[in-house]
Structure formats: C-alpha cells, structure tokens
Amino acid sequence: MIPMASKFVGMLGLGLILLVGLSTGDIPVCTPDAMGENPFCFPPDYNKDLIPPTDTSLQVHVETYIFEVSKIDDISLTITFELYMDLMWEESRIIINDTSPDWGPAGTFMGSTNFVSSMWLPDIQIYMCKQFKKRQIVTDVAGLIIFKNRKVLYTVSTEVILACPMKFSAYPLDHQTCKFLVGSYIHDDTQIYFTG
C-alpha cells in the first residue's frame, strides 16, 4: 500500500512540474538548428531589455483608431478617448521556421499575449497623457501577431485621458486642438523613431 502511494505522489509531482513548465507563457526559445515545430522562436541569449539591433534607429509604427470620444471635461480640461492602439516594429532577433504549418496564408502567426511580458516592447510616452488604461475582461483586450519578415504587431484596446488646453473665448463657436503625440520615454530618435 505504501509503495503505491509513493508512486502516486511521485507521478503527481511530475505532473505538476510538467504543468508549471507548460503554463509559464514564456516565449519559445531555440537555436536555428533545433527549432522543433515552432513557427518562430527566440535565441537563448535573447535579452528583452535591449532594443532589437538595426543598422539605423529602430522604426516603431504607431496607428490609433479612435472609435469614441466618451467624455470632454471643460473643468479639468481633459478629453477621454476609447481607442485601439497598434504598435509595429521589426524584432530582428526572431528565428523564423519557414516550413512550419502554423503560419497563416498571409505569413502571419497569432502569438499568445502571454509572450508580451517576455519580449522587448517600446517604451511609449504619450504627450499630456493623464491616464492610459488597458481594457481587461479575463485578460487584456490585446493581440500579438508575428510576421514571417520578423515584424511584430502588438495591438491593445484602451481608454486614454489627455490633458487638452481648451480655450473658450469664441464660445459657442470655439474649436479645440488636442495633440496626441507619441514618443519614447528614454530613447532619442537616433535609437528609436516613431512613424504613423
């Protein structure tokens, strides 16, 4: 009876180790010679704290899709947007497995957003931003797409509150200009430059 119980405990322990190993959400790591079935993976020496290497500064393309202006506050001089924000850049360190059947017809792979915490992401700053709140249901309302040409698209649904210096001297015929400027918080444009 005791040997059977110890076998069960051992198998349970092994099962828990396997489950923990499979559920970490880490990016797939491999070498060009040992890719397995992964459509893409990252080299063992990948460092998410370093900008992807390029010959010039890294281009980060930003697109915003505003689907609602939900609030204009003329007391606090803020405006609230509901929007989707797309960020796209080239992650030159990705190792691509061209023969994987997991690539879509357009050469894309829908990656897990669990990978995001293990990947390099641009350090975004939005000028005059008071709040940037990602939408969540069970997880973030976001997506990650990897392209065969090593481009990465990270898209997120968010609510943004911007300070907007409103002037009402021409009220009720006034109009307001609110800037939505995106840039890097730490890096200058010799390292990262933004388009969009």
N, C-alpha and C. Protein backbone atom coordinates (compact mmCIF):
# COMPACT_ATOMS: atom_id res chain seq x y z
N MET A 1 0.83 -1.20 0.00
CA MET A 1 0.00 0.00 0.00
C MET A 1 0.86 1.26 0.00
N ILE A 2 1.90 1.27 0.82
CA ILE A 2 2.77 2.45 0.90
C ILE A 2 3.53 2.66 -0.41
N PRO A 3 4.11 1.59 -1.05
CA PRO A 3 4.81 1.82 -2.32
C PRO A 3 3.88 2.42 -3.38
N MET A 4 2.63 1.98 -3.43
CA MET A 4 1.68 2.52 -4.41
C MET A 4 1.42 4.00 -4.15
N ALA A 5 1.28 4.39 -2.88
CA ALA A 5 1.05 5.79 -2.52
C ALA A 5 2.25 6.64 -2.89
N SER A 6 3.45 6.13 -2.68
CA SER A 6 4.64 6.92 -3.01
C SER A 6 4.77 7.06 -4.54
N LYS A 7 4.36 6.02 -5.31
CA LYS A 7 4.36 6.13 -6.77
C LYS A 7 3.38 7.22 -7.21
N PHE A 8 2.20 7.23 -6.59
CA PHE A 8 1.19 8.22 -6.93
C PHE A 8 1.69 9.63 -6.64
N VAL A 9 2.31 9.82 -5.46
CA VAL A 9 2.85 11.14 -5.09
C VAL A 9 3.93 11.55 -6.08
N GLY A 10 4.79 10.60 -6.47
CA GLY A 10 5.85 10.89 -7.44
C GLY A 10 5.28 11.29 -8.78
N MET A 11 4.24 10.55 -9.25
CA MET A 11 3.62 10.88 -10.53
C MET A 11 2.91 12.24 -10.46
N LEU A 12 2.27 12.51 -9.31
CA LEU A 12 1.60 13.79 -9.13
C LEU A 12 2.61 14.94 -9.18
N GLY A 13 3.75 14.73 -8.51
CA GLY A 13 4.81 15.74 -8.52
C GLY A 13 5.33 15.98 -9.92
N LEU A 14 5.54 14.91 -10.70
CA LEU A 14 6.00 15.04 -12.07
C LEU A 14 4.95 15.77 -12.92
N GLY A 15 3.68 15.43 -12.72
CA GLY A 15 2.60 16.10 -13.45
C GLY A 15 2.56 17.59 -13.14
N LEU A 16 2.75 17.96 -11.87
CA LEU A 16 2.76 19.37 -11.51
C LEU A 16 3.94 20.10 -12.14
N ILE A 17 5.10 19.46 -12.17
CA ILE A 17 6.27 20.08 -12.80
C ILE A 17 6.00 20.31 -14.28
N LEU A 18 5.40 19.32 -14.96
CA LEU A 18 5.09 19.46 -16.38
C LEU A 18 4.08 20.58 -16.60
N LEU A 19 3.06 20.66 -15.76
CA LEU A 19 2.06 21.70 -15.91
C LEU A 19 2.67 23.08 -15.71
N VAL A 20 3.53 23.22 -14.69
CA VAL A 20 4.18 24.50 -14.45
C VAL A 20 5.06 24.86 -15.64
N GLY A 21 5.78 23.89 -16.17
CA GLY A 21 6.64 24.13 -17.32
C GLY A 21 5.87 24.55 -18.55
N LEU A 22 4.67 24.02 -18.74
CA LEU A 22 3.88 24.35 -19.93
C LEU A 22 3.09 25.64 -19.78
N SER A 23 2.87 26.09 -18.57
CA SER A 23 1.96 27.22 -18.39
C SER A 23 2.67 28.53 -18.07
N THR A 24 4.00 28.57 -18.25
CA THR A 24 4.71 29.79 -17.88
C THR A 24 4.41 30.94 -18.82
N GLY A 25 4.04 30.66 -20.08
CA GLY A 25 3.76 31.73 -21.02
C GLY A 25 5.01 32.36 -21.59
N ASP A 26 6.17 31.74 -21.37
CA ASP A 26 7.41 32.28 -21.91
C ASP A 26 7.45 32.12 -23.41
N ILE A 27 8.23 32.99 -24.06
CA ILE A 27 8.42 32.89 -25.49
C ILE A 27 9.19 31.61 -25.81
N PRO A 28 8.92 31.00 -26.98
CA PRO A 28 9.66 29.79 -27.33
C PRO A 28 11.13 30.13 -27.60
N VAL A 29 12.04 29.36 -27.02
CA VAL A 29 13.48 29.58 -27.17
C VAL A 29 14.06 28.41 -27.94
N CYS A 30 14.93 28.69 -28.90
CA CYS A 30 15.54 27.62 -29.68
C CYS A 30 16.80 28.14 -30.35
N THR A 31 17.41 27.31 -31.15
CA THR A 31 18.54 27.70 -31.99
C THR A 31 18.15 27.43 -33.44
N PRO A 32 18.85 28.03 -34.41
CA PRO A 32 18.50 27.77 -35.82
C PRO A 32 18.55 26.29 -36.18
N ASP A 33 19.36 25.51 -35.46
CA ASP A 33 19.49 24.08 -35.77
C ASP A 33 18.45 23.22 -35.06
N ALA A 34 17.84 23.74 -34.02
CA ALA A 34 16.88 22.95 -33.23
C ALA A 34 15.64 23.79 -32.96
N MET A 35 14.76 23.87 -33.96
CA MET A 35 13.56 24.70 -33.85
C MET A 35 12.34 23.92 -33.42
N GLY A 36 12.35 22.61 -33.63
CA GLY A 36 11.16 21.84 -33.35
C GLY A 36 10.05 22.23 -34.30
N GLU A 37 8.82 22.24 -33.81
CA GLU A 37 7.66 22.57 -34.63
C GLU A 37 7.28 24.05 -34.54
N ASN A 38 8.01 24.82 -33.74
CA ASN A 38 7.65 26.23 -33.54
C ASN A 38 7.73 27.01 -34.85
N PRO A 39 6.74 27.87 -35.14
CA PRO A 39 6.84 28.72 -36.33
C PRO A 39 7.91 29.80 -36.17
N PHE A 40 8.16 30.18 -34.93
CA PHE A 40 9.21 31.16 -34.63
C PHE A 40 9.70 30.88 -33.22
N CYS A 41 10.87 31.41 -32.92
CA CYS A 41 11.38 31.31 -31.57
C CYS A 41 12.47 32.37 -31.38
N PHE A 42 12.95 32.48 -30.17
CA PHE A 42 13.97 33.45 -29.84
C PHE A 42 15.25 32.73 -29.44
N PRO A 43 16.41 33.32 -29.73
CA PRO A 43 17.67 32.67 -29.37
C PRO A 43 17.84 32.60 -27.86
N PRO A 44 18.64 31.66 -27.37
CA PRO A 44 18.81 31.53 -25.91
C PRO A 44 19.37 32.78 -25.24
N ASP A 45 20.13 33.59 -25.98
CA ASP A 45 20.73 34.80 -25.37
C ASP A 45 19.85 36.04 -25.55
N TYR A 46 18.58 35.84 -25.91
CA TYR A 46 17.66 36.97 -26.11
C TYR A 46 17.52 37.78 -24.82
N ASN A 47 17.63 39.11 -24.95
CA ASN A 47 17.53 40.00 -23.80
C ASN A 47 16.43 41.02 -24.07
N LYS A 48 15.33 40.93 -23.34
CA LYS A 48 14.20 41.82 -23.59
C LYS A 48 14.47 43.27 -23.18
N ASP A 49 15.58 43.51 -22.49
CA ASP A 49 15.92 44.87 -22.07
C ASP A 49 16.70 45.65 -23.13
N LEU A 50 17.09 44.97 -24.23
CA LEU A 50 17.86 45.62 -25.29
C LEU A 50 16.99 45.87 -26.51
N ILE A 51 17.18 47.03 -27.15
CA ILE A 51 16.47 47.35 -28.38
C ILE A 51 16.90 46.36 -29.46
N PRO A 52 15.97 45.86 -30.27
CA PRO A 52 16.37 44.99 -31.38
C PRO A 52 17.42 45.67 -32.25
N PRO A 53 18.52 44.98 -32.55
CA PRO A 53 19.59 45.63 -33.32
C PRO A 53 19.17 45.92 -34.76
N THR A 54 19.55 47.12 -35.24
CA THR A 54 19.29 47.53 -36.62
C THR A 54 20.50 48.34 -37.10
N ASP A 55 20.57 48.58 -38.41
CA ASP A 55 21.65 49.40 -38.97
C ASP A 55 21.47 50.87 -38.61
N THR A 56 20.22 51.30 -38.49
CA THR A 56 19.92 52.68 -38.12
C THR A 56 19.05 52.63 -36.87
N SER A 57 18.36 53.72 -36.57
CA SER A 57 17.45 53.68 -35.42
C SER A 57 16.24 52.80 -35.74
N LEU A 58 15.69 52.18 -34.71
CA LEU A 58 14.56 51.26 -34.88
C LEU A 58 13.29 52.04 -35.16
N GLN A 59 12.59 51.67 -36.22
CA GLN A 59 11.32 52.32 -36.54
C GLN A 59 10.18 51.61 -35.83
N VAL A 60 9.39 52.37 -35.09
CA VAL A 60 8.17 51.86 -34.47
C VAL A 60 7.00 52.60 -35.11
N HIS A 61 6.14 51.85 -35.79
CA HIS A 61 4.98 52.45 -36.46
C HIS A 61 3.78 52.39 -35.52
N VAL A 62 3.14 53.52 -35.32
CA VAL A 62 2.01 53.63 -34.39
C VAL A 62 0.76 54.02 -35.17
N GLU A 63 -0.31 53.29 -34.96
CA GLU A 63 -1.60 53.67 -35.52
C GLU A 63 -2.63 53.66 -34.39
N THR A 64 -3.46 54.68 -34.38
CA THR A 64 -4.53 54.75 -33.39
C THR A 64 -5.86 54.81 -34.12
N TYR A 65 -6.82 54.06 -33.61
CA TYR A 65 -8.17 54.03 -34.16
C TYR A 65 -9.12 54.49 -33.06
N ILE A 66 -9.50 55.75 -33.12
CA ILE A 66 -10.40 56.29 -32.11
C ILE A 66 -11.83 55.93 -32.51
N PHE A 67 -12.50 55.15 -31.67
CA PHE A 67 -13.88 54.79 -32.00
C PHE A 67 -14.89 55.52 -31.14
N GLU A 68 -14.43 56.30 -30.17
CA GLU A 68 -15.39 57.09 -29.39
C GLU A 68 -14.65 58.14 -28.58
N VAL A 69 -15.21 59.36 -28.57
CA VAL A 69 -14.80 60.36 -27.60
C VAL A 69 -15.85 60.29 -26.51
N SER A 70 -15.51 59.68 -25.39
CA SER A 70 -16.53 59.36 -24.39
C SER A 70 -16.78 60.48 -23.38
N LYS A 71 -15.80 61.42 -23.26
CA LYS A 71 -16.02 62.49 -22.28
C LYS A 71 -15.12 63.68 -22.61
N ILE A 72 -15.71 64.87 -22.50
CA ILE A 72 -14.95 66.11 -22.58
C ILE A 72 -15.22 66.86 -21.29
N ASP A 73 -14.18 67.10 -20.53
CA ASP A 73 -14.33 67.75 -19.23
C ASP A 73 -13.74 69.15 -19.31
N ASP A 74 -14.64 70.16 -19.37
CA ASP A 74 -14.16 71.54 -19.52
C ASP A 74 -13.73 72.15 -18.19
N ILE A 75 -13.91 71.41 -17.10
CA ILE A 75 -13.42 71.88 -15.79
C ILE A 75 -11.96 71.45 -15.61
N SER A 76 -11.70 70.14 -15.78
CA SER A 76 -10.33 69.64 -15.62
C SER A 76 -9.52 69.78 -16.91
N LEU A 77 -10.16 70.24 -17.99
CA LEU A 77 -9.52 70.41 -19.31
C LEU A 77 -8.90 69.11 -19.79
N THR A 78 -9.74 68.06 -19.80
CA THR A 78 -9.30 66.75 -20.29
C THR A 78 -10.32 66.22 -21.29
N ILE A 79 -9.85 65.29 -22.10
CA ILE A 79 -10.71 64.62 -23.07
C ILE A 79 -10.41 63.13 -22.98
N THR A 80 -11.46 62.32 -23.02
CA THR A 80 -11.32 60.87 -22.86
C THR A 80 -11.68 60.18 -24.17
N PHE A 81 -10.75 59.35 -24.66
CA PHE A 81 -10.92 58.60 -25.90
C PHE A 81 -11.00 57.11 -25.61
N GLU A 82 -11.84 56.41 -26.35
CA GLU A 82 -11.80 54.96 -26.42
C GLU A 82 -11.11 54.63 -27.73
N LEU A 83 -10.02 53.89 -27.68
CA LEU A 83 -9.28 53.67 -28.92
C LEU A 83 -8.54 52.34 -28.92
N TYR A 84 -8.18 51.92 -30.14
CA TYR A 84 -7.25 50.81 -30.34
C TYR A 84 -5.91 51.42 -30.71
N MET A 85 -4.85 50.92 -30.12
CA MET A 85 -3.52 51.38 -30.47
C MET A 85 -2.72 50.20 -31.00
N ASP A 86 -2.16 50.37 -32.21
CA ASP A 86 -1.31 49.35 -32.82
C ASP A 86 0.13 49.83 -32.82
N LEU A 87 1.03 48.97 -32.41
CA LEU A 87 2.47 49.25 -32.46
C LEU A 87 3.11 48.16 -33.31
N MET A 88 3.94 48.57 -34.29
CA MET A 88 4.61 47.57 -35.14
C MET A 88 6.08 47.93 -35.27
N TRP A 89 6.94 46.92 -35.12
CA TRP A 89 8.38 47.11 -35.27
C TRP A 89 8.99 45.79 -35.74
N GLU A 90 10.25 45.86 -36.14
CA GLU A 90 10.95 44.65 -36.55
C GLU A 90 11.77 44.12 -35.38
N GLU A 91 11.52 42.87 -35.03
CA GLU A 91 12.30 42.19 -33.99
C GLU A 91 13.30 41.29 -34.71
N SER A 92 14.48 41.85 -35.01
CA SER A 92 15.46 41.17 -35.87
C SER A 92 16.02 39.90 -35.23
N ARG A 93 15.81 39.71 -33.94
CA ARG A 93 16.37 38.53 -33.26
C ARG A 93 15.51 37.29 -33.39
N ILE A 94 14.29 37.42 -33.90
CA ILE A 94 13.40 36.26 -34.05
C ILE A 94 14.01 35.29 -35.05
N ILE A 95 13.97 34.00 -34.71
CA ILE A 95 14.37 32.94 -35.63
C ILE A 95 13.09 32.39 -36.25
N ILE A 96 13.02 32.40 -37.59
CA ILE A 96 11.80 32.01 -38.30
C ILE A 96 11.94 30.59 -38.84
N ASN A 97 10.89 29.79 -38.66
CA ASN A 97 10.81 28.44 -39.22
C ASN A 97 9.83 28.51 -40.40
N ASP A 98 10.37 28.73 -41.61
CA ASP A 98 9.52 28.89 -42.80
C ASP A 98 8.66 27.68 -43.09
N THR A 99 9.09 26.50 -42.66
CA THR A 99 8.38 25.26 -43.02
C THR A 99 7.27 24.90 -42.04
N SER A 100 7.10 25.68 -40.99
CA SER A 100 6.07 25.36 -40.01
C SER A 100 4.68 25.48 -40.63
N PRO A 101 3.79 24.52 -40.39
CA PRO A 101 2.42 24.61 -40.92
C PRO A 101 1.55 25.60 -40.15
N ASP A 102 2.08 26.16 -39.07
CA ASP A 102 1.28 27.07 -38.24
C ASP A 102 1.19 28.48 -38.80
N TRP A 103 1.98 28.80 -39.83
CA TRP A 103 1.87 30.12 -40.44
C TRP A 103 0.56 30.26 -41.20
N GLY A 104 -0.08 31.39 -41.08
CA GLY A 104 -1.31 31.66 -41.83
C GLY A 104 -0.99 31.94 -43.29
N PRO A 105 -2.01 32.04 -44.14
CA PRO A 105 -1.78 32.26 -45.57
C PRO A 105 -1.07 33.58 -45.87
N ALA A 106 -1.20 34.57 -45.02
CA ALA A 106 -0.53 35.86 -45.25
C ALA A 106 0.84 35.92 -44.57
N GLY A 107 1.35 34.76 -44.12
CA GLY A 107 2.65 34.75 -43.45
C GLY A 107 2.60 35.33 -42.06
N THR A 108 1.49 35.08 -41.35
CA THR A 108 1.32 35.60 -40.00
C THR A 108 1.05 34.48 -39.01
N PHE A 109 1.38 34.74 -37.77
CA PHE A 109 1.10 33.80 -36.68
C PHE A 109 0.53 34.60 -35.52
N MET A 110 -0.64 34.18 -35.05
CA MET A 110 -1.25 34.84 -33.90
C MET A 110 -0.57 34.34 -32.64
N GLY A 111 0.31 35.15 -32.09
CA GLY A 111 1.05 34.76 -30.89
C GLY A 111 0.21 34.99 -29.65
N SER A 112 0.57 34.31 -28.60
CA SER A 112 -0.11 34.49 -27.32
C SER A 112 0.31 35.81 -26.69
N THR A 113 -0.64 36.54 -26.13
CA THR A 113 -0.27 37.77 -25.43
C THR A 113 0.49 37.46 -24.15
N ASN A 114 0.53 36.18 -23.74
CA ASN A 114 1.37 35.79 -22.61
C ASN A 114 2.85 35.99 -22.93
N PHE A 115 3.21 36.01 -24.23
CA PHE A 115 4.59 36.23 -24.63
C PHE A 115 5.05 37.65 -24.33
N VAL A 116 4.11 38.59 -24.26
CA VAL A 116 4.44 40.01 -24.21
C VAL A 116 5.36 40.34 -23.04
N SER A 117 5.13 39.72 -21.88
CA SER A 117 5.96 40.04 -20.72
C SER A 117 7.40 39.56 -20.88
N SER A 118 7.65 38.66 -21.83
CA SER A 118 9.00 38.14 -22.06
C SER A 118 9.68 38.79 -23.27
N MET A 119 9.01 39.73 -23.93
CA MET A 119 9.54 40.34 -25.14
C MET A 119 9.92 41.79 -24.91
N TRP A 120 10.80 42.28 -25.79
CA TRP A 120 11.09 43.71 -25.79
C TRP A 120 9.87 44.45 -26.32
N LEU A 121 9.51 45.55 -25.64
CA LEU A 121 8.42 46.41 -26.09
C LEU A 121 8.91 47.85 -26.09
N PRO A 122 8.43 48.67 -27.00
CA PRO A 122 8.85 50.08 -27.00
C PRO A 122 8.39 50.78 -25.72
N ASP A 123 9.24 51.67 -25.21
CA ASP A 123 8.90 52.45 -24.01
C ASP A 123 8.13 53.69 -24.46
N ILE A 124 6.82 53.56 -24.49
CA ILE A 124 5.93 54.59 -25.06
C ILE A 124 5.64 55.68 -24.03
N GLN A 125 5.68 56.91 -24.55
CA GLN A 125 5.17 58.03 -23.77
C GLN A 125 4.20 58.79 -24.65
N ILE A 126 3.06 59.18 -24.10
CA ILE A 126 2.07 59.98 -24.82
C ILE A 126 2.04 61.37 -24.18
N TYR A 127 2.29 62.37 -24.99
CA TYR A 127 2.35 63.75 -24.52
C TYR A 127 1.03 64.15 -23.87
N MET A 128 1.10 64.72 -22.69
CA MET A 128 -0.05 65.22 -21.93
C MET A 128 -1.04 64.12 -21.53
N CYS A 129 -0.56 62.89 -21.46
CA CYS A 129 -1.44 61.78 -21.08
C CYS A 129 -1.64 61.75 -19.57
N LYS A 130 -2.89 61.77 -19.15
CA LYS A 130 -3.22 61.68 -17.73
C LYS A 130 -3.46 60.24 -17.29
N GLN A 131 -4.01 59.44 -18.21
CA GLN A 131 -4.29 58.04 -17.87
C GLN A 131 -4.33 57.21 -19.14
N PHE A 132 -3.74 56.01 -19.06
CA PHE A 132 -3.77 55.04 -20.16
C PHE A 132 -4.20 53.73 -19.53
N LYS A 133 -5.42 53.33 -19.79
CA LYS A 133 -5.99 52.18 -19.10
C LYS A 133 -6.34 51.09 -20.10
N LYS A 134 -5.58 49.97 -20.06
CA LYS A 134 -5.88 48.87 -20.97
C LYS A 134 -7.18 48.20 -20.54
N ARG A 135 -7.97 47.80 -21.53
CA ARG A 135 -9.22 47.10 -21.23
C ARG A 135 -8.91 45.66 -20.85
N GLN A 136 -9.65 45.16 -19.90
CA GLN A 136 -9.49 43.77 -19.47
C GLN A 136 -10.85 43.12 -19.33
N ILE A 137 -10.93 41.88 -19.75
CA ILE A 137 -12.10 41.07 -19.45
C ILE A 137 -11.59 39.92 -18.58
N VAL A 138 -11.11 38.86 -19.20
CA VAL A 138 -10.40 37.84 -18.44
C VAL A 138 -8.91 38.17 -18.47
N THR A 139 -8.42 38.57 -19.64
CA THR A 139 -7.06 39.06 -19.80
C THR A 139 -7.15 40.42 -20.49
N ASP A 140 -6.01 41.02 -20.79
CA ASP A 140 -6.02 42.27 -21.54
C ASP A 140 -6.71 42.06 -22.89
N VAL A 141 -7.49 43.04 -23.33
CA VAL A 141 -8.05 43.01 -24.67
C VAL A 141 -6.93 43.50 -25.59
N ALA A 142 -6.14 42.54 -26.05
CA ALA A 142 -4.94 42.85 -26.81
C ALA A 142 -4.62 41.68 -27.73
N GLY A 143 -3.73 41.91 -28.68
CA GLY A 143 -3.33 40.85 -29.60
C GLY A 143 -1.87 41.00 -29.97
N LEU A 144 -1.26 39.88 -30.34
CA LEU A 144 0.13 39.86 -30.77
C LEU A 144 0.21 39.04 -32.05
N ILE A 145 0.73 39.65 -33.11
CA ILE A 145 0.88 38.97 -34.39
C ILE A 145 2.35 39.01 -34.79
N ILE A 146 2.90 37.84 -35.12
CA ILE A 146 4.27 37.73 -35.60
C ILE A 146 4.20 37.50 -37.11
N PHE A 147 5.02 38.22 -37.87
CA PHE A 147 5.08 38.08 -39.32
C PHE A 147 6.35 37.34 -39.71
N LYS A 148 6.30 36.66 -40.86
CA LYS A 148 7.47 35.93 -41.34
C LYS A 148 8.67 36.84 -41.60
N ASN A 149 8.42 38.12 -41.88
CA ASN A 149 9.52 39.05 -42.13
C ASN A 149 10.07 39.64 -40.82
N ARG A 150 9.71 39.02 -39.69
CA ARG A 150 10.17 39.38 -38.35
C ARG A 150 9.52 40.66 -37.79
N LYS A 151 8.47 41.12 -38.44
CA LYS A 151 7.73 42.25 -37.87
C LYS A 151 6.85 41.72 -36.74
N VAL A 152 6.66 42.56 -35.75
CA VAL A 152 5.79 42.25 -34.61
C VAL A 152 4.71 43.32 -34.55
N LEU A 153 3.46 42.90 -34.44
CA LEU A 153 2.35 43.83 -34.26
C LEU A 153 1.71 43.55 -32.91
N TYR A 154 1.73 44.57 -32.05
CA TYR A 154 1.06 44.48 -30.76
C TYR A 154 -0.08 45.47 -30.77
N THR A 155 -1.29 44.99 -30.57
CA THR A 155 -2.46 45.85 -30.60
C THR A 155 -3.19 45.75 -29.27
N VAL A 156 -3.69 46.88 -28.79
CA VAL A 156 -4.33 46.91 -27.48
C VAL A 156 -5.52 47.86 -27.51
N SER A 157 -6.58 47.48 -26.81
CA SER A 157 -7.76 48.32 -26.65
C SER A 157 -7.63 49.08 -25.34
N THR A 158 -7.85 50.39 -25.40
CA THR A 158 -7.55 51.20 -24.22
C THR A 158 -8.48 52.41 -24.10
N GLU A 159 -8.47 52.97 -22.92
CA GLU A 159 -9.10 54.27 -22.66
C GLU A 159 -7.97 55.23 -22.31
N VAL A 160 -7.92 56.36 -23.02
CA VAL A 160 -6.86 57.35 -22.80
C VAL A 160 -7.49 58.67 -22.39
N ILE A 161 -6.97 59.24 -21.32
CA ILE A 161 -7.38 60.58 -20.89
C ILE A 161 -6.22 61.52 -21.15
N LEU A 162 -6.47 62.53 -22.00
CA LEU A 162 -5.43 63.51 -22.35
C LEU A 162 -5.79 64.88 -21.78
N ALA A 163 -4.77 65.57 -21.32
CA ALA A 163 -4.95 66.97 -20.97
C ALA A 163 -5.00 67.77 -22.27
N CYS A 164 -5.95 68.68 -22.36
CA CYS A 164 -6.11 69.49 -23.57
C CYS A 164 -6.34 70.94 -23.14
N PRO A 165 -5.40 71.84 -23.43
CA PRO A 165 -5.57 73.25 -23.03
C PRO A 165 -6.67 73.93 -23.85
N MET A 166 -7.89 73.84 -23.36
CA MET A 166 -9.04 74.36 -24.10
C MET A 166 -9.19 75.87 -23.87
N LYS A 167 -9.62 76.55 -24.92
CA LYS A 167 -9.87 77.99 -24.84
C LYS A 167 -11.31 78.24 -25.28
N PHE A 168 -12.02 79.02 -24.50
CA PHE A 168 -13.45 79.22 -24.75
C PHE A 168 -13.79 80.66 -25.10
N SER A 169 -12.81 81.43 -25.54
CA SER A 169 -13.06 82.85 -25.81
C SER A 169 -14.04 83.04 -26.97
N ALA A 170 -14.12 82.08 -27.88
CA ALA A 170 -15.04 82.20 -29.02
C ALA A 170 -16.33 81.41 -28.81
N TYR A 171 -16.58 80.95 -27.57
CA TYR A 171 -17.79 80.15 -27.27
C TYR A 171 -19.04 80.92 -27.73
N PRO A 172 -20.02 80.30 -28.35
CA PRO A 172 -20.18 78.85 -28.58
C PRO A 172 -19.60 78.37 -29.92
N LEU A 173 -18.80 79.19 -30.58
CA LEU A 173 -18.23 78.79 -31.86
C LEU A 173 -16.76 78.40 -31.71
N ASP A 174 -16.37 78.06 -30.50
CA ASP A 174 -14.97 77.70 -30.27
C ASP A 174 -14.65 76.33 -30.86
N HIS A 175 -13.40 76.11 -31.16
CA HIS A 175 -12.92 74.79 -31.55
C HIS A 175 -11.62 74.53 -30.78
N GLN A 176 -11.36 73.27 -30.53
CA GLN A 176 -10.21 72.90 -29.70
C GLN A 176 -9.26 72.01 -30.51
N THR A 177 -7.98 72.17 -30.22
CA THR A 177 -6.96 71.30 -30.82
C THR A 177 -6.26 70.56 -29.70
N CYS A 178 -6.41 69.24 -29.70
CA CYS A 178 -5.77 68.40 -28.68
C CYS A 178 -4.71 67.54 -29.35
N LYS A 179 -3.47 67.66 -28.92
CA LYS A 179 -2.38 66.91 -29.53
C LYS A 179 -2.31 65.51 -28.96
N PHE A 180 -2.06 64.56 -29.86
CA PHE A 180 -1.83 63.16 -29.46
C PHE A 180 -0.45 62.81 -30.01
N LEU A 181 0.57 63.07 -29.22
CA LEU A 181 1.95 62.86 -29.65
C LEU A 181 2.54 61.66 -28.92
N VAL A 182 3.12 60.75 -29.69
CA VAL A 182 3.69 59.53 -29.13
C VAL A 182 5.19 59.53 -29.35
N GLY A 183 5.93 59.14 -28.35
CA GLY A 183 7.38 59.04 -28.47
C GLY A 183 7.93 58.08 -27.44
N SER A 184 9.24 57.98 -27.41
CA SER A 184 9.92 57.13 -26.43
C SER A 184 10.19 57.94 -25.17
N TYR A 185 10.09 57.31 -24.04
CA TYR A 185 10.33 57.98 -22.76
C TYR A 185 11.82 58.16 -22.51
N ILE A 186 12.63 57.15 -22.87
CA ILE A 186 14.05 57.17 -22.55
C ILE A 186 14.93 57.41 -23.76
N HIS A 187 14.59 56.80 -24.90
CA HIS A 187 15.48 56.80 -26.07
C HIS A 187 15.21 57.99 -26.98
N ASP A 188 16.30 58.53 -27.58
CA ASP A 188 16.12 59.60 -28.55
C ASP A 188 15.95 59.01 -29.95
N ASP A 189 15.76 59.86 -30.95
CA ASP A 189 15.43 59.34 -32.28
C ASP A 189 16.62 58.74 -33.01
N THR A 190 17.81 58.78 -32.42
CA THR A 190 18.92 58.01 -33.02
C THR A 190 18.82 56.54 -32.64
N GLN A 191 17.99 56.22 -31.64
CA GLN A 191 17.80 54.84 -31.21
C GLN A 191 16.44 54.30 -31.65
N ILE A 192 15.38 55.07 -31.42
CA ILE A 192 14.02 54.69 -31.81
C ILE A 192 13.35 55.91 -32.42
N TYR A 193 12.71 55.73 -33.58
CA TYR A 193 11.89 56.82 -34.09
C TYR A 193 10.51 56.28 -34.44
N PHE A 194 9.53 57.14 -34.26
CA PHE A 194 8.14 56.74 -34.40
C PHE A 194 7.55 57.30 -35.69
N THR A 195 6.75 56.48 -36.36
CA THR A 195 6.00 56.92 -37.54
C THR A 195 4.54 56.60 -37.31
N GLY A 196 3.70 57.16 -38.16
CA GLY A 196 2.28 56.83 -38.03
C GLY A 196 1.42 58.06 -38.04
